[in-house]
Amino acid sequence: MFDVITIGSATRDVFLFVQALHPHRESDAVSKIEACLPFGAKIDIERLAFDTGGGATNSAATFARLGKFEVAALTRIGQDSRGQSILKVLHADNIDTSLVQVTNKDHTAYSSILSPTHAHSERTILVYRGASSCIESSKIPWTKLRAKWFYISSLGGDLLLLKKLIDHARRIKAQVAWNPGGQELSKLTPPLRLRGGWEGLRQSIDFLILNREEAAKLTGKKFDDTKGLLRALARTTHIAVMTDGPKGAYAIVGSQSSVHSSQYRNSKTNYPITKLPNHQTAYFVPSVGHKPENLTGAGDAFGSGFVTGWIKSRGDIKYALRLASFNADSVVQHVGAKNGILEKIPSAKQLQKLPVKTLHI
């Protein structure tokens, strides 16, 4: 049995740093910032970098490097050189690839990340989803899909597969953390044609991990209504995590949580289990504060870092938030979603320096 199985996308990433990009504020843009390039022009690229990405492989890297867990990744790649690059990186991290689906029908997913060369960490990602858009349920070796935790990221909008994974996790008594993609979120609004609907799903998800924009989309609350978002998320599942970019992140306890922590042979910490309060309680952790180089991979680093911290501390939500913040901070100081993933847990003294505020919402 694995400690963690990560499920979702796998991509080959290219980072393009372009001086001709001139970011400016625009109220209609998602991040309130946009940049333009002229059609018909030949634009010089000042810097180029390659990496692998995707929710399944990024989170697997954190669980393997930082958590030192036994990890497998369930994803789908093409029978091409890009797919081989992804497998090579997974093998280097000692991540089991026996669950990876390889197809000759689609190309491996590919992302082009456009960033300005001057002092700005924002980016635009152009995504070809390819093979990652469809993990084939019929080709999953369900009897071998055994772990203490399932960490599920984007499934290309396949909510039926999500339900099968959650049902399977419950049968084997595994816990589930879900970091949904935009395609899943777009289907979680009425009418949701899935037996049990969102109500049926949310009761079986232990951790729901979203950014602020995704939280607004799921709950229908205004993007800048922090208290409204937190209150709405408190009604979604046992524990919800809402990241807020460079400002920090929140963890919201939805009810007396049924989430438990398992004993891992690699865990050497002696942190006590935190008694979680009833609903209407949230915790806020600021970012560590280092100047970011590129934001790609920050969400995956935070989400998987949070679950790693939860397992390592045996259920200490403040510890989990602090470790997640340190992991995300390290990733954004590098180019590439995996290059900055921590390989060693910061000392207790370092973690304690990062304040965690309790909010009553």
Foldseek 3Di string as FASTA:
>chain_A
DWAEEEEAAKAKEKEFAFQQWDWDADCVDPVRIDTDDDPPDDGDTPDMDIDMDILQLLLQLLCLQALVTAYEYAFEAEPDPGVVRSVVVCVVSNHHDPNYHYYPPWHGKYKYWYHYPPQDAEIDIDIDRIGRLARDPVPGPLVPPDHQEYEYEERNLPVVVVVVVLVSCVVNVHAYEYEYDPSVLVLLDPPNPDVCRQVNVQASHQEYEEELVSLCSNQVDDSPPVLVSLLSVLQRHQWYKYAYPQFWIKIFGNAQGPDWEDDDPPQPDDADADRDHGGQKMKTWHAPDDRFNYQPQLRSLLRSQLVSQCRNNGHDNLSSRLSSRVQSVQQRNDPYNRPRGDNYGDDPVVSVVTDMDMDRD
